Amino acid sequence: MPIPQIPELLLILMIILIIFGAGKLPEIGNALGKGLSEFRRAQTNEEAEKDDQAKA
């Protein structure tokens, strides 16, 4: 999948701004940040468990 260029990203951001409005953007960003954080934490825990099993 090719990486989007700047004009395409700007268009996507404008559409998101129109759909959700400026007031909802901080809430959406916060929710995305928490989701990514939890995903990374789960990946780290999963890798640690695999390492522990491999050592045993």
PDB file of N, CA and C in Angstrom:
ATOM      1  N   MET A   1       0.851  -1.183   0.000  1.00  0.00           N
ATOM      2  CA  MET A   1       0.000   0.000   0.000  1.00  0.00           C
ATOM      3  C   MET A   1       0.893   1.241   0.000  1.00  0.00           C
ATOM      4  N   PRO A   2       0.718   2.126  -0.967  1.00  0.00           N
ATOM      5  CA  PRO A   2       1.579   3.303  -1.034  1.00  0.00           C
ATOM      6  C   PRO A   2       1.289   4.293   0.088  1.00  0.00           C
ATOM      7  N   ILE A   3       2.309   5.041   0.449  1.00  0.00           N
ATOM      8  CA  ILE A   3       2.168   6.055   1.499  1.00  0.00           C
ATOM      9  C   ILE A   3       1.472   7.279   0.897  1.00  0.00           C
ATOM     10  N   PRO A   4       0.414   7.804   1.565  1.00  0.00           N
ATOM     11  CA  PRO A   4      -0.282   8.976   1.035  1.00  0.00           C
ATOM     12  C   PRO A   4       0.622  10.213   1.029  1.00  0.00           C
ATOM     13  N   GLN A   5       0.426  11.038   0.036  1.00  0.00           N
ATOM     14  CA  GLN A   5       1.189  12.271  -0.076  1.00  0.00           C
ATOM     15  C   GLN A   5       0.504  13.372   0.735  1.00  0.00           C
ATOM     16  N   ILE A   6       1.174  14.505   0.877  1.00  0.00           N
ATOM     17  CA  ILE A   6       0.688  15.614   1.694  1.00  0.00           C
ATOM     18  C   ILE A   6      -0.704  16.099   1.256  1.00  0.00           C
ATOM     19  N   PRO A   7      -0.958  16.361  -0.036  1.00  0.00           N
ATOM     20  CA  PRO A   7      -2.293  16.847  -0.417  1.00  0.00           C
ATOM     21  C   PRO A   7      -3.407  15.851  -0.065  1.00  0.00           C
ATOM     22  N   GLU A   8      -3.110  14.560  -0.204  1.00  0.00           N
ATOM     23  CA  GLU A   8      -4.116  13.552   0.137  1.00  0.00           C
ATOM     24  C   GLU A   8      -4.386  13.546   1.642  1.00  0.00           C
ATOM     25  N   LEU A   9      -3.337  13.684   2.435  1.00  0.00           N
ATOM     26  CA  LEU A   9      -3.509  13.731   3.891  1.00  0.00           C
ATOM     27  C   LEU A   9      -4.312  14.962   4.313  1.00  0.00           C
ATOM     28  N   LEU A  10      -4.018  16.087   3.686  1.00  0.00           N
ATOM     29  CA  LEU A  10      -4.762  17.309   3.997  1.00  0.00           C
ATOM     30  C   LEU A  10      -6.240  17.154   3.664  1.00  0.00           C
ATOM     31  N   LEU A  11      -6.542  16.526   2.548  1.00  0.00           N
ATOM     32  CA  LEU A  11      -7.932  16.295   2.161  1.00  0.00           C
ATOM     33  C   LEU A  11      -8.627  15.394   3.190  1.00  0.00           C
ATOM     34  N   ILE A  12      -7.948  14.335   3.617  1.00  0.00           N
ATOM     35  CA  ILE A  12      -8.524  13.440   4.616  1.00  0.00           C
ATOM     36  C   ILE A  12      -8.769  14.184   5.925  1.00  0.00           C
ATOM     37  N   LEU A  13      -7.806  14.994   6.350  1.00  0.00           N
ATOM     38  CA  LEU A  13      -7.967  15.759   7.591  1.00  0.00           C
ATOM     39  C   LEU A  13      -9.118  16.758   7.494  1.00  0.00           C
ATOM     40  N   MET A  14      -9.281  17.390   6.341  1.00  0.00           N
ATOM     41  CA  MET A  14     -10.391  18.337   6.149  1.00  0.00           C
ATOM     42  C   MET A  14     -11.734  17.610   6.248  1.00  0.00           C
ATOM     43  N   ILE A  15     -11.834  16.433   5.651  1.00  0.00           N
ATOM     44  CA  ILE A  15     -13.079  15.662   5.712  1.00  0.00           C
ATOM     45  C   ILE A  15     -13.386  15.260   7.146  1.00  0.00           C
ATOM     46  N   ILE A  16     -12.361  14.825   7.875  1.00  0.00           N
ATOM     47  CA  ILE A  16     -12.559  14.455   9.282  1.00  0.00           C
ATOM     48  C   ILE A  16     -13.013  15.656  10.086  1.00  0.00           C
ATOM     49  N   LEU A  17     -12.416  16.818   9.845  1.00  0.00           N
ATOM     50  CA  LEU A  17     -12.801  18.038  10.550  1.00  0.00           C
ATOM     51  C   LEU A  17     -14.245  18.406  10.252  1.00  0.00           C
ATOM     52  N   ILE A  18     -14.669  18.254   9.020  1.00  0.00           N
ATOM     53  CA  ILE A  18     -16.049  18.576   8.653  1.00  0.00           C
ATOM     54  C   ILE A  18     -17.021  17.599   9.306  1.00  0.00           C
ATOM     55  N   ILE A  19     -16.676  16.323   9.317  1.00  0.00           N
ATOM     56  CA  ILE A  19     -17.585  15.307   9.860  1.00  0.00           C
ATOM     57  C   ILE A  19     -17.719  15.426  11.374  1.00  0.00           C
ATOM     58  N   PHE A  20     -16.579  15.505  12.073  1.00  0.00           N
ATOM     59  CA  PHE A  20     -16.617  15.466  13.531  1.00  0.00           C
ATOM     60  C   PHE A  20     -16.638  16.831  14.185  1.00  0.00           C
ATOM     61  N   GLY A  21     -16.171  17.854  13.519  1.00  0.00           N
ATOM     62  CA  GLY A  21     -16.122  19.181  14.101  1.00  0.00           C
ATOM     63  C   GLY A  21     -14.871  19.354  14.954  1.00  0.00           C
ATOM     64  N   ALA A  22     -14.535  20.618  15.192  1.00  0.00           N
ATOM     65  CA  ALA A  22     -13.305  20.924  15.930  1.00  0.00           C
ATOM     66  C   ALA A  22     -13.406  20.516  17.398  1.00  0.00           C
ATOM     67  N   GLY A  23     -14.593  20.519  17.958  1.00  0.00           N
ATOM     68  CA  GLY A  23     -14.756  20.193  19.371  1.00  0.00           C
ATOM     69  C   GLY A  23     -14.502  18.732  19.692  1.00  0.00           C
ATOM     70  N   LYS A  24     -14.782  17.841  18.763  1.00  0.00           N
ATOM     71  CA  LYS A  24     -14.622  16.407  19.000  1.00  0.00           C
ATOM     72  C   LYS A  24     -13.201  15.906  18.715  1.00  0.00           C
ATOM     73  N   LEU A  25     -12.406  16.662  17.987  1.00  0.00           N
ATOM     74  CA  LEU A  25     -11.078  16.196  17.606  1.00  0.00           C
ATOM     75  C   LEU A  25     -10.189  15.857  18.802  1.00  0.00           C
ATOM     76  N   PRO A  26     -10.141  16.660  19.864  1.00  0.00           N
ATOM     77  CA  PRO A  26      -9.308  16.271  21.009  1.00  0.00           C
ATOM     78  C   PRO A  26      -9.763  14.955  21.647  1.00  0.00           C
ATOM     79  N   GLU A  27     -11.073  14.734  21.710  1.00  0.00           N
ATOM     80  CA  GLU A  27     -11.585  13.485  22.282  1.00  0.00           C
ATOM     81  C   GLU A  27     -11.191  12.291  21.407  1.00  0.00           C
ATOM     82  N   ILE A  28     -11.288  12.461  20.096  1.00  0.00           N
ATOM     83  CA  ILE A  28     -10.927  11.387  19.173  1.00  0.00           C
ATOM     84  C   ILE A  28      -9.435  11.097  19.280  1.00  0.00           C
ATOM     85  N   GLY A  29      -8.616  12.139  19.328  1.00  0.00           N
ATOM     86  CA  GLY A  29      -7.176  11.963  19.468  1.00  0.00           C
ATOM     87  C   GLY A  29      -6.808  11.262  20.762  1.00  0.00           C
ATOM     88  N   ASN A  30      -7.484  11.637  21.839  1.00  0.00           N
ATOM     89  CA  ASN A  30      -7.239  11.010  23.136  1.00  0.00           C
ATOM     90  C   ASN A  30      -7.598   9.530  23.090  1.00  0.00           C
ATOM     91  N   ALA A  31      -8.723   9.205  22.506  1.00  0.00           N
ATOM     92  CA  ALA A  31      -9.153   7.810  22.409  1.00  0.00           C
ATOM     93  C   ALA A  31      -8.183   6.998  21.550  1.00  0.00           C
ATOM     94  N   LEU A  32      -7.732   7.573  20.442  1.00  0.00           N
ATOM     95  CA  LEU A  32      -6.763   6.877  19.588  1.00  0.00           C
ATOM     96  C   LEU A  32      -5.445   6.656  20.324  1.00  0.00           C
ATOM     97  N   GLY A  33      -5.002   7.655  21.066  1.00  0.00           N
ATOM     98  CA  GLY A  33      -3.761   7.533  21.826  1.00  0.00           C
ATOM     99  C   GLY A  33      -3.843   6.436  22.873  1.00  0.00           C
ATOM    100  N   LYS A  34      -4.963   6.378  23.586  1.00  0.00           N
ATOM    101  CA  LYS A  34      -5.143   5.336  24.593  1.00  0.00           C
ATOM    102  C   LYS A  34      -5.192   3.961  23.943  1.00  0.00           C
ATOM    103  N   GLY A  35      -5.857   3.863  22.805  1.00  0.00           N
ATOM    104  CA  GLY A  35      -5.946   2.587  22.101  1.00  0.00           C
ATOM    105  C   GLY A  35      -4.577   2.096  21.645  1.00  0.00           C
ATOM    106  N   LEU A  36      -3.771   3.005  21.082  1.00  0.00           N
ATOM    107  CA  LEU A  36      -2.434   2.630  20.636  1.00  0.00           C
ATOM    108  C   LEU A  36      -1.557   2.231  21.821  1.00  0.00           C
ATOM    109  N   SER A  37      -1.696   2.959  22.921  1.00  0.00           N
ATOM    110  CA  SER A  37      -0.919   2.645  24.112  1.00  0.00           C
ATOM    111  C   SER A  37      -1.253   1.248  24.629  1.00  0.00           C
ATOM    112  N   GLU A  38      -2.529   0.928  24.690  1.00  0.00           N
ATOM    113  CA  GLU A  38      -2.936  -0.393  25.164  1.00  0.00           C
ATOM    114  C   GLU A  38      -2.482  -1.488  24.200  1.00  0.00           C
ATOM    115  N   PHE A  39      -2.526  -1.210  22.904  1.00  0.00           N
ATOM    116  CA  PHE A  39      -2.078  -2.180  21.913  1.00  0.00           C
ATOM    117  C   PHE A  39      -0.588  -2.472  22.087  1.00  0.00           C
ATOM    118  N   ARG A  40       0.211  -1.420  22.266  1.00  0.00           N
ATOM    119  CA  ARG A  40       1.647  -1.608  22.463  1.00  0.00           C
ATOM    120  C   ARG A  40       1.920  -2.386  23.736  1.00  0.00           C
ATOM    121  N   ARG A  41       1.190  -2.073  24.801  1.00  0.00           N
ATOM    122  CA  ARG A  41       1.373  -2.777  26.067  1.00  0.00           C
ATOM    123  C   ARG A  41       1.045  -4.264  25.893  1.00  0.00           C
ATOM    124  N   ALA A  42      -0.014  -4.568  25.174  1.00  0.00           N
ATOM    125  CA  ALA A  42      -0.392  -5.963  24.950  1.00  0.00           C
ATOM    126  C   ALA A  42       0.665  -6.679  24.114  1.00  0.00           C
ATOM    127  N   GLN A  43       1.213  -6.009  23.107  1.00  0.00           N
ATOM    128  CA  GLN A  43       2.255  -6.605  22.275  1.00  0.00           C
ATOM    129  C   GLN A  43       3.496  -6.896  23.112  1.00  0.00           C
ATOM    130  N   THR A  44       3.871  -5.964  23.975  1.00  0.00           N
ATOM    131  CA  THR A  44       5.047  -6.149  24.824  1.00  0.00           C
ATOM    132  C   THR A  44       4.842  -7.322  25.770  1.00  0.00           C
ATOM    133  N   ASN A  45       3.665  -7.413  26.375  1.00  0.00           N
ATOM    134  CA  ASN A  45       3.376  -8.517  27.287  1.00  0.00           C
ATOM    135  C   ASN A  45       3.393  -9.854  26.552  1.00  0.00           C
ATOM    136  N   GLU A  46       2.841  -9.872  25.347  1.00  0.00           N
ATOM    137  CA  GLU A  46       2.797 -11.102  24.557  1.00  0.00           C
ATOM    138  C   GLU A  46       4.206 -11.560  24.191  1.00  0.00           C
ATOM    139  N   GLU A  47       5.056 -10.620  23.784  1.00  0.00           N
ATOM    140  CA  GLU A  47       6.433 -10.973  23.441  1.00  0.00           C
ATOM    141  C   GLU A  47       7.198 -11.474  24.666  1.00  0.00           C
ATOM    142  N   ALA A  48       6.968 -10.859  25.816  1.00  0.00           N
ATOM    143  CA  ALA A  48       7.638 -11.280  27.044  1.00  0.00           C
ATOM    144  C   ALA A  48       7.211 -12.702  27.416  1.00  0.00           C
ATOM    145  N   GLU A  49       5.935 -13.014  27.239  1.00  0.00           N
ATOM    146  CA  GLU A  49       5.453 -14.358  27.544  1.00  0.00           C
ATOM    147  C   GLU A  49       6.084 -15.390  26.600  1.00  0.00           C
ATOM    148  N   LYS A  50       6.215 -15.043  25.324  1.00  0.00           N
ATOM    149  CA  LYS A  50       6.848 -15.948  24.357  1.00  0.00           C
ATOM    150  C   LYS A  50       8.299 -16.202  24.725  1.00  0.00           C
ATOM    151  N   ASP A  51       9.005 -15.134  25.149  1.00  0.00           N
ATOM    152  CA  ASP A  51      10.400 -15.282  25.558  1.00  0.00           C
ATOM    153  C   ASP A  51      10.522 -16.171  26.777  1.00  0.00           C
ATOM    154  N   ASP A  52       9.621 -15.988  27.738  1.00  0.00           N
ATOM    155  CA  ASP A  52       9.634 -16.810  28.947  1.00  0.00           C
ATOM    156  C   ASP A  52       9.388 -18.282  28.614  1.00  0.00           C
ATOM    157  N   GLN A  53       8.465 -18.539  27.708  1.00  0.00           N
ATOM    158  CA  GLN A  53       8.172 -19.909  27.313  1.00  0.00           C
ATOM    159  C   GLN A  53       9.350 -20.529  26.555  1.00  0.00           C
ATOM    160  N   ALA A  54      10.024 -19.744  25.752  1.00  0.00           N
ATOM    161  CA  ALA A  54      11.155 -20.253  24.988  1.00  0.00           C
ATOM    162  C   ALA A  54      12.323 -20.607  25.916  1.00  0.00           C
ATOM    163  N   LYS A  55      12.486 -19.838  26.988  1.00  0.00           N
ATOM    164  CA  LYS A  55      13.580 -20.079  27.924  1.00  0.00           C
ATOM    165  C   LYS A  55      13.301 -21.276  28.813  1.00  0.00           C
ATOM    166  N   ALA A  56      12.029 -21.560  29.023  1.00  0.00           N
ATOM    167  CA  ALA A  56      11.678 -22.676  29.933  1.00  0.00           C
ATOM    168  C   ALA A  56      11.829 -24.029  29.300  1.00  0.00           C
TER     169      ALA A  56
END
